[in-house]
Amino acid sequence: MATTVYFEETVIGQGGKDRMDVEMGRSSFFEEDSIYLNVDGNSVVMDRATAKRFVEAVMNVGFYHGFVE
């Protein structure tokens, strides 16, 4: 299985007490390359349709906050 990690960080909430380990990248574990997401040790490789919706949702939030042009 080939993976490429694009994000790997312990995310700390704004209040400073909540935290989670998040890792996200690409995986070729299955026949179709797709996005994998690992949160606090729970991992999933998304099917392509779900991965597309996930990316669209993240981009929309990014646009809303001005993080993406």
C-alpha atoms as a PDB file:
ATOM      1  CA  MET A   1       0.000   0.000   0.000  1.00  0.00           C
ATOM      2  CA  ALA A   2       1.361   3.408  -0.960  1.00  0.00           C
ATOM      3  CA  THR A   3       0.335   6.443   1.021  1.00  0.00           C
ATOM      4  CA  THR A   4       1.224  10.091   0.859  1.00  0.00           C
ATOM      5  CA  VAL A   5       0.577  12.086   4.013  1.00  0.00           C
ATOM      6  CA  TYR A   6      -0.686  15.631   3.424  1.00  0.00           C
ATOM      7  CA  PHE A   7      -1.684  16.526   6.995  1.00  0.00           C
ATOM      8  CA  GLU A   8      -0.517  15.029  10.273  1.00  0.00           C
ATOM      9  CA  GLU A   9      -1.000  16.961  13.478  1.00  0.00           C
ATOM     10  CA  THR A  10      -2.396  16.877  16.980  1.00  0.00           C
ATOM     11  CA  VAL A  11      -5.175  19.439  16.693  1.00  0.00           C
ATOM     12  CA  ILE A  12      -5.877  21.397  19.863  1.00  0.00           C
ATOM     13  CA  GLY A  13      -9.265  23.078  20.260  1.00  0.00           C
ATOM     14  CA  GLN A  14      -9.572  26.822  20.751  1.00  0.00           C
ATOM     15  CA  GLY A  15     -10.312  26.356  24.447  1.00  0.00           C
ATOM     16  CA  GLY A  16      -7.001  24.542  24.858  1.00  0.00           C
ATOM     17  CA  LYS A  17      -8.274  21.375  26.513  1.00  0.00           C
ATOM     18  CA  ASP A  18      -9.745  19.323  23.643  1.00  0.00           C
ATOM     19  CA  ARG A  19      -7.348  17.587  21.269  1.00  0.00           C
ATOM     20  CA  MET A  20      -7.288  14.924  18.574  1.00  0.00           C
ATOM     21  CA  ASP A  21      -4.656  13.302  16.413  1.00  0.00           C
ATOM     22  CA  VAL A  22      -5.532  13.818  12.738  1.00  0.00           C
ATOM     23  CA  GLU A  23      -3.806  12.395   9.674  1.00  0.00           C
ATOM     24  CA  MET A  24      -5.048  12.722   6.104  1.00  0.00           C
ATOM     25  CA  GLY A  25      -3.605  11.751   2.755  1.00  0.00           C
ATOM     26  CA  ARG A  26      -3.902   9.478  -0.256  1.00  0.00           C
ATOM     27  CA  SER A  27      -3.951   5.730  -0.212  1.00  0.00           C
ATOM     28  CA  SER A  28      -3.663   3.067  -2.888  1.00  0.00           C
ATOM     29  CA  PHE A  29      -4.657   0.220  -0.568  1.00  0.00           C
ATOM     30  CA  PHE A  30      -7.740  -0.476  -2.683  1.00  0.00           C
ATOM     31  CA  GLU A  31      -8.027  -0.686  -6.470  1.00  0.00           C
ATOM     32  CA  GLU A  32      -9.026   3.008  -6.700  1.00  0.00           C
ATOM     33  CA  ASP A  33      -6.669   5.576  -5.178  1.00  0.00           C
ATOM     34  CA  SER A  34      -8.551   7.720  -2.700  1.00  0.00           C
ATOM     35  CA  ILE A  35      -8.345   9.785   0.472  1.00  0.00           C
ATOM     36  CA  TYR A  36      -7.670   8.199   3.818  1.00  0.00           C
ATOM     37  CA  LEU A  37      -8.511   9.845   7.110  1.00  0.00           C
ATOM     38  CA  ASN A  38      -7.207   8.796  10.508  1.00  0.00           C
ATOM     39  CA  VAL A  39      -8.587  10.442  13.655  1.00  0.00           C
ATOM     40  CA  ASP A  40      -7.364   9.260  17.053  1.00  0.00           C
ATOM     41  CA  GLY A  41      -6.317   5.907  15.599  1.00  0.00           C
ATOM     42  CA  ASN A  42      -9.573   5.253  13.731  1.00  0.00           C
ATOM     43  CA  SER A  43      -8.837   5.027  10.018  1.00  0.00           C
ATOM     44  CA  VAL A  44     -10.947   4.886   6.858  1.00  0.00           C
ATOM     45  CA  VAL A  45     -10.161   4.933   3.139  1.00  0.00           C
ATOM     46  CA  MET A  46     -13.046   6.754   1.467  1.00  0.00           C
ATOM     47  CA  ASP A  47     -14.715   5.586  -1.707  1.00  0.00           C
ATOM     48  CA  ARG A  48     -14.263   8.105  -4.533  1.00  0.00           C
ATOM     49  CA  ALA A  49     -17.779   9.583  -4.291  1.00  0.00           C
ATOM     50  CA  THR A  50     -17.407  10.235  -0.557  1.00  0.00           C
ATOM     51  CA  ALA A  51     -13.902  11.643  -1.043  1.00  0.00           C
ATOM     52  CA  LYS A  52     -15.252  14.109  -3.617  1.00  0.00           C
ATOM     53  CA  ARG A  53     -17.988  15.306  -1.236  1.00  0.00           C
ATOM     54  CA  PHE A  54     -15.440  15.557   1.586  1.00  0.00           C
ATOM     55  CA  VAL A  55     -13.101  17.735  -0.500  1.00  0.00           C
ATOM     56  CA  GLU A  56     -15.983  19.939  -1.661  1.00  0.00           C
ATOM     57  CA  ALA A  57     -17.120  20.447   1.948  1.00  0.00           C
ATOM     58  CA  VAL A  58     -13.600  21.330   3.159  1.00  0.00           C
ATOM     59  CA  MET A  59     -13.139  23.739   0.247  1.00  0.00           C
ATOM     60  CA  ASN A  60     -16.491  25.412   1.008  1.00  0.00           C
ATOM     61  CA  VAL A  61     -15.514  25.950   4.644  1.00  0.00           C
ATOM     62  CA  GLY A  62     -12.138  27.276   3.488  1.00  0.00           C
ATOM     63  CA  PHE A  63     -13.807  29.733   1.100  1.00  0.00           C
ATOM     64  CA  TYR A  64     -16.186  30.894   3.841  1.00  0.00           C
ATOM     65  CA  HIS A  65     -13.307  31.706   6.193  1.00  0.00           C
ATOM     66  CA  GLY A  66     -11.117  33.219   3.464  1.00  0.00           C
ATOM     67  CA  PHE A  67      -8.482  30.458   3.675  1.00  0.00           C
ATOM     68  CA  VAL A  68      -8.970  29.535  -0.002  1.00  0.00           C
ATOM     69  CA  GLU A  69      -9.186  31.991  -2.889  1.00  0.00           C
END
